Every structure is written in structure tokens, then in C-alpha cells.
Protein backbone atom coordinates (compact mmCIF):
# COMPACT_ATOMS: atom_id res chain seq x y z
CA MET A 1 22.71 21.74 -22.72
CA GLU A 2 21.45 25.06 -21.36
CA GLN A 3 19.52 25.66 -24.57
CA LYS A 4 17.90 22.22 -24.74
CA PHE A 5 17.13 21.27 -21.13
CA ALA A 6 15.24 23.42 -18.64
CA TRP A 7 16.10 21.01 -15.80
CA TYR A 8 19.79 21.59 -16.54
CA ARG A 9 19.36 25.36 -16.35
CA ASN A 10 17.64 24.95 -12.96
CA MET A 11 20.40 22.78 -11.49
CA PRO A 12 22.56 24.19 -8.69
CA PRO A 13 25.84 25.68 -9.98
CA GLU A 14 27.89 23.02 -8.21
CA ASN A 15 26.12 20.17 -9.98
CA ARG A 16 26.32 21.95 -13.31
CA SER A 17 30.06 22.34 -12.88
CA TRP A 18 30.38 18.62 -12.16
CA VAL A 19 28.39 17.79 -15.29
CA GLY A 20 30.67 20.07 -17.31
CA LEU A 21 33.74 18.32 -15.93
CA VAL A 22 32.27 14.93 -16.83
CA ALA A 23 31.58 16.09 -20.38
CA GLN A 24 35.12 17.50 -20.74
CA ALA A 25 36.57 14.32 -19.29
CA GLY A 26 34.60 12.30 -21.83
CA ILE A 27 35.95 14.30 -24.74
CA ALA A 28 39.51 14.14 -23.38
CA ALA A 29 39.21 10.39 -22.84
CA PHE A 30 37.96 9.95 -26.41
CA THR A 31 40.88 11.94 -27.76
CA GLU A 32 43.37 9.87 -25.79
CA TRP A 33 41.69 6.61 -26.84
CA PHE A 34 41.66 7.69 -30.47
CA ARG A 35 45.41 8.31 -30.32
CA HIS A 36 45.92 4.78 -28.97
CA PRO A 37 43.05 2.69 -30.38
CA ASP A 38 44.73 -0.56 -29.33
CA GLN A 39 44.34 0.31 -25.66
CA LYS A 40 41.09 -0.61 -23.90
CA ALA A 41 39.03 2.44 -23.02
CA ALA A 42 38.58 2.71 -19.26
CA VAL A 43 35.53 4.91 -19.67
CA SER A 44 34.03 4.42 -16.23
CA ALA A 45 37.18 5.48 -14.39
CA ASP A 46 38.35 8.17 -16.80
CA VAL A 47 35.03 9.88 -17.39
CA PHE A 48 32.67 9.25 -14.51
CA GLY A 49 35.44 8.98 -11.95
CA THR A 50 35.71 12.77 -11.92
CA ALA A 51 32.19 13.17 -10.48
CA PRO A 52 31.18 12.57 -6.86
CA ARG A 53 28.88 9.64 -6.09
CA GLU A 54 26.16 12.05 -4.96
CA LEU A 55 25.77 13.24 -8.56
CA THR A 56 23.92 10.02 -9.44
CA ARG A 57 21.17 11.16 -7.07
CA ALA A 58 21.05 14.71 -8.40
CA VAL A 59 20.97 13.61 -12.05
CA THR A 60 18.67 10.77 -13.07
CA LEU A 61 19.65 8.08 -15.54
CA GLN A 62 17.31 9.56 -18.15
CA GLN A 63 18.90 12.98 -17.71
CA THR A 64 22.38 11.47 -17.95
CA VAL A 65 21.44 9.80 -21.23
CA GLN A 66 20.25 13.17 -22.54
CA LEU A 67 23.50 14.83 -21.49
CA VAL A 68 25.67 12.11 -23.03
CA ARG A 69 23.65 12.21 -26.26
CA THR A 70 24.00 15.99 -26.45
CA THR A 71 27.75 15.82 -25.88
CA ILE A 72 28.18 13.18 -28.58
CA GLU A 73 26.02 15.17 -31.00
CA VAL A 74 28.13 18.29 -30.43
CA VAL A 75 31.36 16.37 -31.08
CA GLU A 76 29.85 14.68 -34.12
CA ASP A 77 28.78 18.05 -35.58
CA ARG A 78 32.39 19.29 -35.27
CA ILE A 79 34.08 16.30 -36.88
CA HIS A 80 34.22 17.91 -40.30
CA GLU A 81 36.17 20.83 -38.75
CA LEU A 82 38.67 18.49 -37.11
CA ALA A 83 39.23 15.95 -39.86
CA GLN A 84 41.55 16.49 -42.81
CA GLY A 85 39.91 14.78 -45.71
CA GLU A 86 37.02 12.40 -46.12
CA GLN A 87 39.05 9.34 -45.09
CA GLU A 88 40.01 10.85 -41.74
CA GLU A 89 36.46 12.08 -41.20
CA ALA A 90 35.14 8.55 -41.72
CA MET A 91 37.71 7.24 -39.22
CA LEU A 92 36.67 9.83 -36.67
CA ARG A 93 32.98 9.02 -37.07
CA GLU A 94 33.64 5.30 -36.71
CA GLY A 95 35.79 5.92 -33.63
CA LEU A 96 33.12 8.15 -32.09
CA LEU A 97 30.50 5.47 -32.75
CA ARG A 98 32.58 2.81 -31.00
CA TYR A 99 33.38 5.13 -28.11
CA SER A 100 29.70 6.08 -27.74
CA ARG A 101 28.95 2.42 -27.18
CA GLU A 102 31.53 2.31 -24.38
CA ILE A 103 30.04 5.46 -22.87
CA ALA A 104 26.56 3.91 -22.93
CA PHE A 105 27.75 0.76 -21.16
CA ALA A 106 29.73 2.80 -18.64
CA THR A 107 26.69 4.96 -17.87
CA ALA A 108 24.58 1.87 -17.24
CA GLN A 109 27.32 0.40 -15.03
CA VAL A 110 27.65 3.54 -12.91
CA TYR A 111 23.91 3.76 -12.26
CA ALA A 112 23.62 0.02 -11.70
CA GLN A 113 26.33 0.17 -9.06
CA ALA A 114 24.67 3.17 -7.44
CA ALA A 115 21.34 1.33 -7.43
CA GLU A 116 22.95 -1.73 -5.85
CA LEU A 117 24.51 0.41 -3.12
CA ARG A 118 21.22 2.15 -2.46
CA GLY A 119 19.41 -1.18 -2.51
CA ALA A 120 21.80 -2.70 0.01
CA TRP A 121 21.51 0.35 2.25
CA ASP A 122 17.72 0.37 1.95
CA ALA A 123 17.61 -3.33 2.86
CA ARG A 124 19.67 -2.73 6.01
CA LEU A 125 17.58 0.31 6.88
CA GLU A 126 14.34 -1.61 6.39
CA ALA A 127 15.59 -4.44 8.60
CA LEU A 128 16.39 -1.91 11.33
CA VAL A 129 12.94 -0.32 11.07
CA VAL A 130 11.13 -3.67 11.25
CA ASP A 131 13.25 -4.79 14.21
CA ALA A 132 12.64 -1.53 16.09
CA LEU A 133 8.88 -1.74 15.50
CA LEU A 134 8.75 -5.33 16.73
CA ARG A 135 10.61 -4.39 19.91
CA GLY A 136 8.31 -1.44 20.52
CA GLU A 137 11.09 1.12 20.12
CA ALA A 138 9.26 3.26 17.59
CA ASP A 139 10.05 6.97 17.76
CA ASP A 140 10.68 9.89 15.43
CA VAL A 141 13.92 8.27 14.24
CA VAL A 142 12.00 5.21 13.10
CA ARG A 143 9.44 7.45 11.41
CA SER A 144 12.25 9.24 9.58
CA ARG A 145 13.84 5.99 8.47
CA ALA A 146 10.52 4.64 7.27
CA ALA A 147 9.92 7.86 5.33
CA ALA A 148 13.35 7.44 3.70
CA LEU A 149 12.15 4.04 2.49
CA GLY A 150 9.08 5.62 0.88
CA TRP A 151 6.60 4.96 3.68
CA GLY A 152 3.76 7.48 3.53
CA ALA A 153 1.36 8.77 6.14
CA HIS A 154 -0.73 5.62 6.49
CA SER A 155 -3.29 5.46 9.29
CA ASP A 156 -4.47 1.84 9.00
CA ILE A 157 -1.61 -0.56 9.68
CA ALA A 158 -1.54 -4.29 10.36
CA VAL A 159 1.31 -6.74 10.86
CA MET A 160 1.26 -10.18 9.28
CA VAL A 161 3.69 -12.99 10.10
CA GLY A 162 4.36 -16.48 8.82
CA LYS A 163 7.16 -18.74 7.71
CA ALA A 164 9.67 -17.34 5.22
CA ALA A 165 10.24 -19.13 1.93
CA GLN A 166 13.46 -21.10 1.56
CA ASP A 167 15.14 -18.45 -0.53
CA ASP A 168 17.53 -15.55 -0.20
CA ALA A 169 16.14 -13.09 2.34
CA GLU A 170 16.56 -10.17 -0.05
CA ALA A 171 14.62 -12.00 -2.76
CA VAL A 172 11.83 -12.82 -0.30
CA VAL A 173 11.52 -9.18 0.78
CA ASP A 174 11.61 -7.95 -2.83
CA ALA A 175 8.81 -10.36 -3.75
CA MET A 176 6.75 -9.04 -0.84
CA HIS A 177 7.31 -5.47 -2.01
CA ARG A 178 6.15 -6.36 -5.54
CA ALA A 179 3.04 -8.05 -4.18
CA GLY A 180 2.35 -4.99 -2.04
CA ARG A 181 2.64 -2.62 -5.00
CA HIS A 182 0.33 -4.83 -7.04
CA ALA A 183 -2.23 -4.81 -4.21
CA LYS A 184 -1.73 -1.04 -3.70
CA LEU A 185 -0.49 -1.56 -0.15
CA ALA A 186 2.57 -0.05 1.52
CA VAL A 187 4.84 -2.79 2.85
CA LEU A 188 7.87 -2.90 5.13
CA ALA A 189 9.17 -6.46 5.35
CA GLY A 190 11.95 -8.38 7.05
CA VAL A 191 13.12 -11.95 7.47
CA GLN A 192 14.04 -12.95 11.02
CA GLY A 193 15.25 -16.52 11.20
CA ASP A 194 12.58 -18.65 9.55
CA ARG A 195 9.87 -15.99 9.95
CA LEU A 196 8.73 -13.42 7.43
CA ILE A 197 7.25 -10.28 8.96
CA ALA A 198 5.35 -7.71 6.92
CA ILE A 199 4.12 -4.35 8.21
CA VAL A 200 1.29 -3.39 5.88
CA GLY A 201 -0.08 0.12 5.52
CA GLY A 202 -3.23 1.29 3.80
CA VAL A 203 -5.35 -1.57 5.15
CA ASP A 204 -8.97 -0.69 4.42
CA GLY A 205 -11.87 -2.59 5.96
CA ASP A 206 -11.33 -6.15 7.11
CA PRO A 207 -7.56 -6.60 7.58
CA VAL A 208 -7.58 -10.30 6.62
CA THR A 209 -9.32 -9.54 3.33
CA ALA A 210 -7.06 -6.57 2.63
CA VAL A 211 -3.78 -8.44 3.09
CA ARG A 212 -4.88 -11.74 1.51
CA PRO A 213 -3.03 -10.93 -1.78
CA LEU A 214 0.24 -10.97 0.21
CA ALA A 215 -0.30 -14.39 1.77
CA GLY A 216 1.20 -16.16 -1.24
CA GLN A 217 4.65 -14.74 -0.44
CA PHE A 218 4.83 -16.81 2.75
CA ALA A 219 5.97 -20.42 2.90
CA PRO A 220 3.35 -23.13 3.50
CA GLY A 221 1.93 -22.92 6.99
CA PRO A 222 -0.15 -20.51 9.04
CA VAL A 223 -0.17 -16.79 8.30
CA VAL A 224 -1.47 -14.57 11.10
CA VAL A 225 -2.64 -10.96 10.78
CA GLY A 226 -2.51 -8.67 13.80
CA PRO A 227 -5.22 -6.11 14.59
CA VAL A 228 -5.26 -2.78 12.75
CA VAL A 229 -3.54 0.12 14.52
CA ALA A 230 -3.75 3.81 13.75
CA ASP A 231 -0.06 4.68 13.49
CA LEU A 232 3.28 3.13 12.60
CA THR A 233 4.58 3.70 16.12
CA LEU A 234 1.79 1.45 17.42
CA ALA A 235 2.71 -1.45 15.17
CA ALA A 236 4.36 -3.28 18.08
CA GLY A 237 0.92 -4.14 19.51
CA SER A 238 -0.24 -5.61 16.21
CA ALA A 239 3.05 -7.49 15.84
CA HIS A 240 2.81 -8.93 19.35
CA ALA A 241 -0.68 -10.27 18.68
CA ALA A 242 0.36 -11.72 15.32
CA LEU A 243 3.46 -13.44 16.74
CA CYS A 244 1.53 -14.90 19.65
CA GLY A 245 -1.10 -16.08 17.21
CA LEU A 246 1.54 -17.75 15.05
CA HIS A 247 2.86 -19.58 18.11
CA ALA A 248 -0.63 -20.72 19.14
CA CYS A 249 -1.91 -21.51 15.66
CA ALA A 250 -0.73 -25.11 15.95
CA ALA A 251 -3.67 -25.68 18.31
CA TRP A 252 -6.09 -24.87 15.47
CA PRO A 253 -4.96 -26.99 12.51
CA ASP A 254 -7.94 -25.97 10.37
CA ALA A 255 -7.40 -22.23 10.81
CA PRO A 256 -7.91 -20.25 7.59
CA ARG A 257 -4.91 -18.71 5.84
CA PRO A 258 -4.49 -15.92 6.61
CA VAL A 259 -6.20 -15.81 9.99
CA ALA A 260 -6.78 -12.85 12.27
CA ALA A 261 -4.89 -12.89 15.56
CA ASP A 262 -8.15 -12.00 17.32
CA ASP A 263 -9.70 -15.21 15.98
CA LEU A 264 -6.99 -17.10 17.88
CA LEU A 265 -7.76 -15.55 21.26
CA PRO A 266 -8.65 -18.85 23.01
CA GLU A 267 -5.53 -20.62 21.70
CA ARG A 268 -3.37 -17.63 22.61
CA ALA A 269 -4.88 -17.55 26.11
CA LEU A 270 -4.13 -21.25 26.61
CA ALA A 271 -0.58 -20.56 25.40
CA ALA A 272 -0.10 -18.06 28.27
CA ASP A 273 -0.67 -14.87 26.26
CA GLU A 274 -1.71 -12.41 28.95
CA THR A 275 -3.03 -9.92 26.42
CA ALA A 276 -5.40 -12.51 24.97
CA ARG A 277 -6.56 -13.50 28.44
CA ALA A 278 -7.29 -9.90 29.32
CA VAL A 279 -9.26 -9.39 26.10
CA LEU A 280 -11.40 -12.48 26.70
CA VAL A 281 -12.17 -11.41 30.25
CA GLU A 282 -12.75 -7.72 29.59
CA GLU A 283 -14.60 -7.96 26.27
CA ILE A 284 -16.59 -11.18 26.75
CA TYR A 285 -16.90 -12.29 30.37
CA ARG A 286 -17.38 -8.94 32.08
CA PRO A 287 -20.04 -7.60 29.66
CA LEU A 288 -21.99 -10.83 30.16
CA ALA A 289 -21.62 -10.61 33.93
CA GLU A 290 -22.79 -7.01 33.91
CA ALA A 291 -25.82 -8.01 31.82
CA GLY A 292 -27.05 -10.28 34.62
CA ALA A 293 -26.33 -13.59 36.26
CA ALA A 294 -29.04 -15.28 34.20
CA LEU A 295 -27.08 -14.86 30.99
CA LEU A 296 -23.89 -16.35 32.44
CA GLU A 297 -25.79 -19.23 34.00
CA THR A 298 -27.74 -19.97 30.82
CA LEU A 299 -24.61 -19.84 28.65
CA SER A 300 -22.67 -22.05 31.05
CA VAL A 301 -25.41 -24.68 31.22
CA TYR A 302 -25.99 -24.58 27.46
CA LEU A 303 -22.30 -25.20 26.75
CA GLU A 304 -22.09 -27.97 29.35
CA GLN A 305 -25.11 -29.70 27.77
CA ALA A 306 -23.45 -29.96 24.36
CA ALA A 307 -25.42 -27.03 22.92
CA SER A 308 -28.83 -28.64 23.57
CA LEU A 309 -31.63 -26.12 24.08
CA GLU A 310 -34.00 -28.67 25.57
CA ALA A 311 -31.44 -30.08 28.02
CA ALA A 312 -30.44 -26.62 29.15
CA ALA A 313 -34.08 -25.61 29.59
CA ARG A 314 -34.80 -28.64 31.77
CA ILE A 315 -31.85 -27.94 34.06
CA LEU A 316 -32.72 -24.24 34.32
CA PHE A 317 -36.48 -24.94 34.74
CA VAL A 318 -37.35 -22.52 31.95
CA HIS A 319 -38.96 -22.79 28.53
CA PRO A 320 -36.60 -23.51 25.57
CA ASN A 321 -37.66 -20.19 24.04
CA THR A 322 -36.28 -18.45 27.13
CA VAL A 323 -32.95 -20.18 26.61
CA ARG A 324 -33.04 -19.22 22.95
CA TYR A 325 -33.75 -15.58 23.83
CA ARG A 326 -30.90 -15.44 26.35
CA LEU A 327 -28.48 -16.96 23.85
CA ARG A 328 -29.44 -14.28 21.34
CA ARG A 329 -28.62 -11.71 24.03
CA VAL A 330 -25.19 -13.36 24.40
CA THR A 331 -24.64 -12.97 20.66
CA ASP A 332 -25.71 -9.32 20.77
CA ILE A 333 -23.28 -8.56 23.57
CA THR A 334 -20.23 -10.55 22.44
CA GLY A 335 -20.71 -10.99 18.70
CA LEU A 336 -20.28 -14.76 19.19
CA THR A 337 -22.95 -17.36 18.42
CA PRO A 338 -23.02 -20.10 21.08
CA ALA A 339 -24.51 -22.60 18.62
CA GLN A 340 -21.36 -22.43 16.47
CA ALA A 341 -18.54 -24.69 17.58
CA ARG A 342 -15.78 -22.12 17.19
CA SER A 343 -17.70 -19.40 19.02
CA ALA A 344 -18.72 -21.87 21.73
CA PHE A 345 -15.06 -22.73 22.31
CA THR A 346 -14.14 -19.05 22.63
CA LEU A 347 -17.02 -18.43 25.03
CA GLN A 348 -16.07 -21.47 27.13
CA VAL A 349 -12.48 -20.27 27.53
CA ALA A 350 -13.70 -16.76 28.36
CA LEU A 351 -15.98 -18.15 31.08
CA VAL A 352 -13.15 -20.15 32.62
CA LEU A 353 -10.76 -17.21 32.60
CA GLY A 354 -13.43 -14.85 33.94
CA ARG A 355 -14.18 -17.15 36.86
CA LEU A 356 -10.51 -17.50 37.64
CA ALA A 357 -10.16 -13.72 37.57
CA GLU A 358 -13.07 -13.35 40.00
CA VAL A 359 -11.48 -15.88 42.39
CA GLY A 360 -8.20 -14.04 42.14
CA LYS A 361 -9.90 -10.81 43.18
CA GLN A 362 -11.44 -12.46 46.20
CA LEU A 363 -8.08 -13.85 47.27
């Protein structure tokens, strides 16, 4: 083994001693089995039972296969020295062949069990990380746990939520992980009740477009994507927006799938989401108010007159081109086009909330 494998030569002495014990145990178990061929060979317990569980992490499955193959080759090369006559040599070779098969199955079983244990532990750890992020309890411990799950240093993170498929929670999360790898996105996922929550890292550009390949892992129904945040510890803000959007999405039956939580600001505001109300007031109403009373008045009249330029112009005693110019100013300031029904609805709710906020200040 030292001659053939550089990685074996570089192993710590403790691990090398464990590997040697496993090899010796394998040869001893073969000898005992060959003496009593009628007895079933308990390879897993007799051979691999001598090694600590941690050895499966220090030695990969591929390396274990190389070690087992080398051990068998060494024994096979010495058969002619051990056997007395051709008949006994043939018996020994046949016995070694049968025992090698048992060793191969036992090796696969040991690593499969180790993988299952690690998988179960990773699933519990991932559920803890997702729960902590949703509750806003992110700290260095959560960072460490996420790193243990393979989470890298991602700076663009968004949370998406929707209904979970009617399947085993572990299968749902595994499917989300596969979809994330295919889309080259880092994913931490968890099933909470009937909801599937995915924390997605590596979101580049428009978050809805970036995470669209993952939408198919959710059950039929709305899928909401929270705003992009810069760090994993800030994921609670994105999760809060996404969850509030999922609750309010029933008010917009024709919402796209997936839909950005920011596109649901008016529905969220009507559903008593204080964050959405604050955003509508601070990012839409106040900039318009600061731009001049004429803009607010023109927008208000235009919306009340069912988006009619001529009707608004008559009430305001201005030319329709003046109304058109002021509405373009509204679009420049807010990014919303009053002539579009969806934008008009958002602007109307922002105006109502802004006026209520102004009254509240006066009181």
C-alpha cells in the first residue's frame, strides 16, 4: 500500500494503523471462514467492526476499494506458497473469489450506512439553519452550520416560498437541491407544515428570473420570491417579505409564478404588512410629495377619472399634454406607469397610505 498509493503514505499514523488492522482482520476472517465454509461470513462485523466510524470520513470509498483490492491481490499472489498441490490451490482461489465478493458487498454496506447517517444529520442541521434564518436568529453559529452543509460565501441571496409537494419532506428537499445544482445555485431548503422554503444563493440579476428553474419543485399555487439581500444573516428580511407575499397572494389570482414579493406590495399592505406599508409611503408617496403638490394632485385626479387624460385635464384646468408630462414625471420618480392597471393600483394604495400617514403626524 505504501508503494502504490501516495495518499496512503501521507495519511496520519493513527489512520494508517486502523487501515492495517482492518486488512489483518480481513485476512483473519477469511482464514476462519475457509476453515468453516458452511458458516455465513459476517464480514461487516468481523472486518470493518475493528475500525472507528470516523475512518469512513478519512478514507473515501474509492480509496477503500483500492486498499481492499491491494489486500486481495497480495493474498492471491501468496496462494501458491500456502497451498499443497494444485487441487488445494484451486480451492483457495475459489474461496478467495467468493470471500472477495462478500468484502465488496460489506464495503458498500458500511459506506451506505455512513452516508445515510450523514444524510440524516445533514437534513436535521439544514432544518435548524432554515428555521434560525426565518426567525432572524442568524449568527456565527448559523454561518458555521451552513458552511458544514457546503454553503459558500454567496453575496446575493433570496428566499422563495410556496406550497410543498405532497411527498416525503426529505424527498422534496432533495429534489430542490438537485434543481439548484442543475441551475448552478446554492440552496438551503426546508419543509415547514405545508410550506416549502428555499434560501437561494448566487442569485444574479433579476431574482425572479434567476430562481425560476426552481419553481417546478413547489406544489401548484403561488410561489413568492423575497428581495435580494447581501448576506446569509440578512435572509430573515427576504423571508419575511416572501411569507407575507404568500399570505397576500390570494388577492392577486393572476399573479405570475414565481412573483416578486415587491410586486405584491399593495396586497401586502392591505393584509396589514407594516413593512409593505412603509415601503409604499417612503418610496412612492414621499418622493412624489417632495416633487411638488402638482404631481400628487394630477396623479390623484387621473386615477379617480379612470385614467382619462382629457377628463383629468378638464378638472385640473390644464392642457392634456400637461397631464401627460406630469404623469411621465410620476413614472420617472416611482418607476410605475399610471396608465397600466397594475401600476395604477399600486399608486392608488400608496396615495391612500401616504395621506393616512400625514394625518397621523398631524394628530
